[in-house]
């Protein structure tokens, strides 16, 4: 659900007024791409106190020509209206003039979809397992059904919009083959240059609990550094120091330095590009959407278009042997 919200809904605030311009300055353009459709919207959209203004119950459609950099997007044409920082204006991704909203992404399917807008439901289907190696490698497979509901069954356009949303979510789930499960992220506090081996994060209790030397963790190489421009994965944490200046200094290596020697980071990571240090949680070694069905379904008294995507993910859960029995086979006599 978070993955769909962050990438299909995808919102970011404007950081300077858009005054009938084709240039939009935003907080973070990471989830946007050329030729995508967006809407511009502000705080006055559903605020009854602004019901007499031009932006009440109104947003403006536009199309992205180029994502210039992390904070700049160029449109194909100038906006027809002014969108102001003081009105908390932001942009949001949309498809076919039919936006999907965060509160229309539901956990579990519904007998009735309480919306005339696009809606998505994410529902667990089943969980199965099999032993894949001895000792203790149990592969667990999770199945999830993702349903996409459109509102117009009478026109070809309604079908096209539904299909485009289906393609977008299909591409998203298949381009995130190893979805982050229980990962821990913390922002960097200083830029990192190529060749460095140390990154700086805040010294707080959460970081102290989660950022540990790899030798103290079951899976040795479990860290990565990422910003909007690139990523390096499977890093080994050599050392963590907390000198008391409010910072934690985390020494990283491409591999176990005892076995392979010191190998520094290959590229730079900058705070302006939202650089983070990440510790991996659970790892899905295989996942994808392996089937898509299209059709028309009845929800309550309405017939609406729908598509269903079948997604699965597999992870290995380690079990140690021999296992201790939790049964009780000794019952001392109890006096009457």
Protein backbone atom coordinates (compact mmCIF):
# COMPACT_ATOMS: atom_id res chain seq x y z
CA UNK A 1 0.00 0.00 0.00
CA UNK A 2 2.85 2.38 0.84
CA UNK A 3 4.61 1.53 -2.42
CA UNK A 4 1.47 2.35 -4.45
CA UNK A 5 0.88 5.56 -2.51
CA UNK A 6 4.44 6.83 -2.88
CA UNK A 7 4.74 6.01 -6.59
CA UNK A 8 1.27 6.03 -8.18
CA UNK A 9 -0.26 8.83 -6.09
CA UNK A 10 3.15 10.57 -5.67
CA UNK A 11 2.84 14.05 -4.17
CA UNK A 12 5.40 16.78 -3.52
CA UNK A 13 5.03 20.40 -2.37
CA UNK A 14 6.03 23.35 -4.53
CA UNK A 15 8.85 25.40 -3.00
CA UNK A 16 8.29 28.66 -4.90
CA UNK A 17 5.21 30.29 -6.41
CA UNK A 18 4.18 28.98 -9.84
CA UNK A 19 3.05 32.15 -11.62
CA UNK A 20 1.64 31.03 -14.98
CA UNK A 21 4.95 29.30 -15.66
CA UNK A 22 6.17 26.06 -17.19
CA UNK A 23 8.81 25.66 -14.44
CA UNK A 24 7.76 24.14 -11.13
CA UNK A 25 10.17 24.06 -8.18
CA UNK A 26 9.37 21.19 -5.82
CA UNK A 27 10.71 19.54 -2.67
CA UNK A 28 11.58 16.25 -4.38
CA UNK A 29 10.99 15.14 -7.98
CA UNK A 30 12.23 11.58 -7.38
CA UNK A 31 8.91 9.82 -8.13
CA UNK A 32 8.14 11.77 -11.33
CA UNK A 33 9.16 11.10 -14.94
CA UNK A 34 8.85 12.82 -18.35
CA UNK A 35 5.45 12.64 -20.11
CA UNK A 36 3.58 11.83 -16.92
CA UNK A 37 0.38 13.76 -16.22
CA UNK A 38 0.10 15.72 -12.99
CA UNK A 39 -2.39 17.95 -11.24
CA UNK A 40 -1.61 21.16 -9.37
CA UNK A 41 -3.72 21.60 -6.27
CA UNK A 42 -3.67 23.71 -3.09
CA UNK A 43 -5.18 24.08 0.36
CA UNK A 44 -8.23 25.86 -1.00
CA UNK A 45 -9.45 22.81 -2.92
CA UNK A 46 -11.79 21.45 -0.23
CA UNK A 47 -11.62 24.23 2.38
CA UNK A 48 -15.10 25.67 2.80
CA UNK A 49 -13.56 28.97 3.89
CA UNK A 50 -12.17 29.30 0.37
CA UNK A 51 -15.42 28.40 -1.42
CA UNK A 52 -15.52 31.76 -3.21
CA UNK A 53 -11.99 31.50 -4.59
CA UNK A 54 -10.98 30.21 -8.03
CA UNK A 55 -9.23 27.15 -6.58
CA UNK A 56 -12.13 25.81 -4.52
CA UNK A 57 -12.99 22.32 -5.83
CA UNK A 58 -10.60 22.94 -8.75
CA UNK A 59 -7.20 21.64 -9.74
CA UNK A 60 -5.19 22.09 -12.92
CA UNK A 61 -3.88 19.37 -15.21
CA UNK A 62 -0.40 19.54 -16.74
CA UNK A 63 2.13 17.21 -18.35
CA UNK A 64 5.80 16.87 -17.49
CA UNK A 65 8.26 17.65 -20.29
CA UNK A 66 11.44 17.10 -18.29
CA UNK A 67 12.57 16.34 -14.76
CA UNK A 68 15.43 18.83 -14.74
CA UNK A 69 16.85 17.85 -11.34
CA UNK A 70 15.76 16.79 -7.87
CA UNK A 71 13.99 20.12 -7.25
CA UNK A 72 12.92 21.29 -10.71
CA UNK A 73 10.27 20.05 -13.14
CA UNK A 74 9.53 21.56 -16.55
CA UNK A 75 6.03 21.33 -18.05
CA UNK A 76 5.03 21.28 -21.71
CA UNK A 77 3.09 24.54 -21.28
CA UNK A 78 2.64 27.38 -18.83
CA UNK A 79 0.10 26.84 -16.06
CA UNK A 80 -3.21 28.62 -16.55
CA UNK A 81 -3.37 29.72 -12.92
CA UNK A 82 -1.03 30.80 -10.13
CA UNK A 83 -0.15 28.22 -7.47
CA UNK A 84 1.28 29.70 -4.30
CA UNK A 85 3.47 28.37 -1.51
CA UNK A 86 1.33 30.36 0.95
CA UNK A 87 -1.67 28.25 -0.12
CA UNK A 88 0.33 25.04 0.41
CA UNK A 89 0.24 24.17 -3.29
CA UNK A 90 1.58 20.80 -4.39
CA UNK A 91 1.67 18.54 -7.43
CA UNK A 92 0.32 15.02 -7.65
CA UNK A 93 0.67 12.35 -10.29
CA UNK A 94 -2.45 11.27 -12.16
CA UNK A 95 -3.46 9.17 -15.19
CA UNK A 96 -6.09 10.06 -17.79
CA UNK A 97 -7.50 13.02 -15.84
CA UNK A 98 -8.53 10.57 -13.10
CA UNK A 99 -6.47 11.05 -9.93
CA UNK A 100 -6.03 8.30 -7.36
CA UNK A 101 -6.07 9.58 -3.76
CA UNK A 102 -4.33 8.16 -0.69
CA UNK A 103 -7.63 7.48 1.10
CA UNK A 104 -8.83 5.43 -1.89
CA UNK A 105 -6.16 2.77 -1.31
CA UNK A 106 -7.84 0.21 0.93
CA UNK A 107 -6.54 -2.73 2.95
CA UNK A 108 -8.80 -5.57 1.89
CA UNK A 109 -11.46 -5.64 -0.82
CA UNK A 110 -14.92 -4.14 -0.27
CA UNK A 111 -18.46 -5.22 -1.10
CA UNK A 112 -19.08 -1.59 -2.00
CA UNK A 113 -16.44 0.86 -3.17
CA UNK A 114 -17.49 4.14 -1.51
CA UNK A 115 -16.10 6.38 -4.22
CA UNK A 116 -16.77 7.70 -7.68
CA UNK A 117 -13.01 8.06 -8.14
CA UNK A 118 -10.34 5.51 -8.93
CA UNK A 119 -9.81 3.04 -6.08
CA UNK A 120 -7.27 0.31 -5.28
CA UNK A 121 -7.64 -2.53 -2.79
CA UNK A 122 -4.78 -4.67 -1.47
CA UNK A 123 -5.90 -7.98 0.02
CA UNK A 124 -3.88 -10.94 1.38
CA UNK A 125 -4.89 -14.18 -0.36
CA UNK A 126 -2.79 -17.02 1.08
CA UNK A 127 0.51 -18.09 2.58
CA UNK A 128 2.32 -21.33 1.74
CA UNK A 129 5.78 -22.81 2.32
CA UNK A 130 8.25 -25.52 1.38
CA UNK A 131 11.67 -26.67 2.60
CA UNK A 132 14.36 -25.63 0.14
CA UNK A 133 17.48 -26.66 2.01
CA UNK A 134 18.54 -28.50 5.14
CA UNK A 135 19.00 -27.53 7.78
CA UNK A 136 16.26 -25.08 8.34
CA UNK A 137 15.66 -23.16 5.10
CA UNK A 138 11.88 -22.73 4.88
CA UNK A 139 10.70 -20.75 1.84
CA UNK A 140 7.48 -18.89 2.63
CA UNK A 141 5.36 -17.55 -0.22
CA UNK A 142 2.80 -14.77 0.25
CA UNK A 143 0.02 -14.14 -2.26
CA UNK A 144 -1.70 -10.77 -2.52
CA UNK A 145 -4.54 -9.62 -4.77
CA UNK A 146 -4.45 -5.99 -5.95
CA UNK A 147 -7.77 -4.80 -7.40
CA UNK A 148 -8.10 -1.56 -9.38
CA UNK A 149 -11.57 -0.07 -9.78
CA UNK A 150 -12.59 2.49 -12.40
CA UNK A 151 -15.82 4.45 -12.46
CA UNK A 152 -16.96 4.62 -16.07
CA UNK A 153 -18.00 1.40 -17.84
CA UNK A 154 -19.84 3.05 -20.72
CA UNK A 155 -16.94 4.56 -22.68
CA UNK A 156 -13.71 3.38 -24.26
CA UNK A 157 -11.94 6.15 -22.38
CA UNK A 158 -12.94 4.61 -19.05
CA UNK A 159 -11.40 1.30 -20.10
CA UNK A 160 -8.22 2.99 -21.28
CA UNK A 161 -7.79 4.80 -17.96
CA UNK A 162 -8.25 1.55 -16.03
CA UNK A 163 -5.74 -0.23 -18.27
CA UNK A 164 -3.19 2.56 -17.82
CA UNK A 165 -3.50 2.37 -14.04
CA UNK A 166 -3.17 -1.41 -14.26
CA UNK A 167 -0.02 -1.09 -16.37
CA UNK A 168 1.45 1.48 -13.98
CA UNK A 169 0.96 -0.72 -10.91
CA UNK A 170 2.09 -3.81 -12.84
CA UNK A 171 5.33 -2.03 -13.86
CA UNK A 172 5.82 -0.70 -10.33
CA UNK A 173 5.52 -4.10 -8.66
CA UNK A 174 7.73 -5.80 -11.25
CA UNK A 175 10.42 -3.11 -11.08
CA UNK A 176 10.54 -3.44 -7.27
CA UNK A 177 11.32 -7.16 -7.30
CA UNK A 178 12.89 -7.04 -3.86
CA UNK A 179 10.46 -4.86 -1.96
CA UNK A 180 11.84 -3.30 1.22
CA UNK A 181 10.32 -5.11 4.19
CA UNK A 182 11.11 -3.78 7.68
CA UNK A 183 14.08 -1.78 6.43
CA UNK A 184 15.46 0.94 8.68
CA UNK A 185 16.39 4.31 7.16
CA UNK A 186 18.17 7.29 8.66
CA UNK A 187 19.27 10.44 6.79
CA UNK A 188 22.94 11.33 6.44
CA UNK A 189 24.08 14.51 8.20
CA UNK A 190 27.11 15.15 5.99
CA UNK A 191 27.95 14.70 2.32
CA UNK A 192 29.98 11.63 1.36
CA UNK A 193 32.68 11.80 -1.30
CA UNK A 194 33.76 8.91 -3.50
CA UNK A 195 36.57 7.13 -1.69
CA UNK A 196 35.21 7.79 1.81
CA UNK A 197 34.59 4.93 4.22
CA UNK A 198 32.65 6.78 6.94
CA UNK A 199 29.13 8.25 6.92
CA UNK A 200 27.62 10.47 9.60
CA UNK A 201 24.11 10.05 11.07
CA UNK A 202 22.36 11.42 14.14
CA UNK A 203 23.24 9.93 17.52
CA UNK A 204 19.81 8.92 18.85
CA UNK A 205 18.39 5.83 20.50
CA UNK A 206 16.75 4.45 17.35
CA UNK A 207 20.02 4.68 15.44
CA UNK A 208 21.95 3.12 18.32
CA UNK A 209 19.52 0.18 18.33
CA UNK A 210 19.55 -0.37 14.57
CA UNK A 211 22.95 0.72 13.27
CA UNK A 212 25.34 -1.98 14.52
CA UNK A 213 28.60 -3.54 13.30
CA UNK A 214 27.85 -6.31 10.81
CA UNK A 215 29.58 -8.87 13.04
CA UNK A 216 26.74 -8.42 15.55
CA UNK A 217 24.05 -9.20 12.95
CA UNK A 218 23.06 -12.57 11.50
CA UNK A 219 23.52 -11.46 7.88
CA UNK A 220 26.87 -9.70 7.59
CA UNK A 221 26.40 -7.37 4.64
CA UNK A 222 23.10 -5.68 5.34
CA UNK A 223 23.65 -1.94 4.75
CA UNK A 224 23.38 0.39 1.79
CA UNK A 225 23.84 4.09 1.06
CA UNK A 226 21.46 5.80 -1.38
CA UNK A 227 20.46 9.18 -2.68
CA UNK A 228 18.31 10.28 -5.61
CA UNK A 229 21.19 9.73 -8.02
CA UNK A 230 22.47 6.29 -7.09
CA UNK A 231 22.95 3.51 -4.56
CA UNK A 232 25.58 1.06 -3.29
CA UNK A 233 24.25 -2.13 -1.72
CA UNK A 234 25.41 -5.02 0.48
CA UNK A 235 27.83 -2.93 2.52
CA UNK A 236 29.67 -4.29 5.56
CA UNK A 237 29.56 -2.13 8.72
CA UNK A 238 33.05 -2.25 10.23
CA UNK A 239 32.56 0.07 13.19
CA UNK A 240 30.14 2.50 14.86
CA UNK A 241 31.46 5.26 17.11
CA UNK A 242 29.52 7.78 19.24
CA UNK A 243 32.00 10.38 20.59
CA UNK A 244 29.27 12.44 22.26
CA UNK A 245 29.03 15.29 19.75
CA UNK A 246 25.49 14.35 18.70
CA UNK A 247 26.69 12.29 15.74
CA UNK A 248 27.27 8.63 14.98
CA UNK A 249 30.19 7.78 12.70
CA UNK A 250 29.56 4.60 10.74
CA UNK A 251 32.52 2.99 8.96
CA UNK A 252 31.45 0.98 5.92
CA UNK A 253 33.23 -1.38 3.55
CA UNK A 254 32.26 -3.04 0.28
CA UNK A 255 33.00 -6.46 1.80
CA UNK A 256 34.28 -7.99 5.00
CA UNK A 257 37.61 -6.14 5.42
CA UNK A 258 39.21 -9.07 7.23
CA UNK A 259 38.77 -11.20 4.12
CA UNK A 260 39.00 -8.63 1.31
CA UNK A 261 40.80 -5.57 2.69
CA UNK A 262 39.53 -1.98 2.76
CA UNK A 263 37.25 -1.08 -0.15
CA UNK A 264 35.78 2.43 0.00
CA UNK A 265 32.54 3.79 -1.46
CA UNK A 266 32.58 4.21 -5.23
CA UNK A 267 30.50 7.38 -5.60
CA UNK A 268 29.44 10.56 -3.81
CA UNK A 269 26.21 11.00 -1.83
CA UNK A 270 24.80 14.44 -1.13
CA UNK A 271 22.35 15.81 1.41
CA UNK A 272 20.64 17.84 -1.33
CA UNK A 273 19.83 14.52 -3.02
CA UNK A 274 18.25 13.08 0.16
CA UNK A 275 21.10 10.74 1.05
CA UNK A 276 20.25 7.98 3.55
CA UNK A 277 21.88 5.05 5.28
CA UNK A 278 19.69 1.95 5.21
CA UNK A 279 19.83 -1.30 7.12
CA UNK A 280 17.99 -4.12 5.41
CA UNK A 281 15.24 -6.04 7.16
CA UNK A 282 13.56 -8.94 5.40
CA UNK A 283 14.60 -10.00 1.91
CA UNK A 284 12.23 -11.29 -0.79
CA UNK A 285 14.36 -13.40 -3.13
CA UNK A 286 11.56 -13.73 -5.71
CA UNK A 287 8.49 -11.56 -6.28
CA UNK A 288 6.42 -10.28 -9.18
CA UNK A 289 2.92 -9.84 -10.62
CA UNK A 290 2.36 -13.07 -12.51
CA UNK A 291 -1.23 -12.54 -13.71
CA UNK A 292 -3.60 -9.68 -14.61
CA UNK A 293 -7.36 -10.05 -15.20
CA UNK A 294 -9.65 -7.35 -16.63
CA UNK A 295 -13.42 -7.17 -16.50
CA UNK A 296 -16.57 -5.63 -15.07
CA UNK A 297 -17.74 -6.40 -11.53
CA UNK A 298 -20.74 -5.52 -9.40
CA UNK A 299 -20.12 -3.51 -6.24
CA UNK A 300 -23.34 -2.92 -4.33
CA UNK A 301 -25.88 -1.73 -6.89
CA UNK A 302 -23.26 -0.44 -9.34
CA UNK A 303 -21.40 -2.14 -12.17
CA UNK A 304 -17.84 -0.87 -12.42
CA UNK A 305 -14.76 -1.73 -14.42
CA UNK A 306 -12.05 -3.58 -12.55
CA UNK A 307 -8.66 -5.18 -12.99
CA UNK A 308 -7.06 -7.71 -10.65
CA UNK A 309 -3.32 -8.19 -10.29
CA UNK A 310 -1.95 -11.33 -8.60
CA UNK A 311 1.32 -10.61 -6.78
CA UNK A 312 3.53 -13.02 -4.86
CA UNK A 313 6.67 -12.67 -2.76
CA UNK A 314 9.01 -15.34 -1.39
CA UNK A 315 11.41 -15.15 1.52
CA UNK A 316 13.50 -17.68 3.43
CA UNK A 317 12.87 -18.12 7.14
CA UNK A 318 15.65 -19.91 9.04
CA UNK A 319 14.75 -22.60 11.56
CA UNK A 320 17.43 -24.08 13.82
CA UNK A 321 17.69 -27.84 14.47
CA UNK A 322 17.33 -29.85 16.56
CA UNK A 323 14.27 -28.05 17.84
CA UNK A 324 13.48 -28.21 21.53
CA UNK A 325 10.09 -29.67 22.30
CA UNK A 326 7.67 -27.35 24.04
CA UNK A 327 5.55 -30.31 25.03
CA UNK A 328 5.35 -31.52 28.62
CA UNK A 329 5.78 -35.26 29.10
CA UNK A 330 6.32 -35.32 32.88
CA UNK A 331 3.38 -34.92 35.22
CA UNK A 332 4.23 -35.35 38.89
CA UNK A 333 1.48 -36.76 41.01
CA UNK A 334 -0.64 -34.15 42.65
CA UNK A 335 -1.86 -34.87 46.14
CA UNK A 336 -5.67 -34.88 46.58
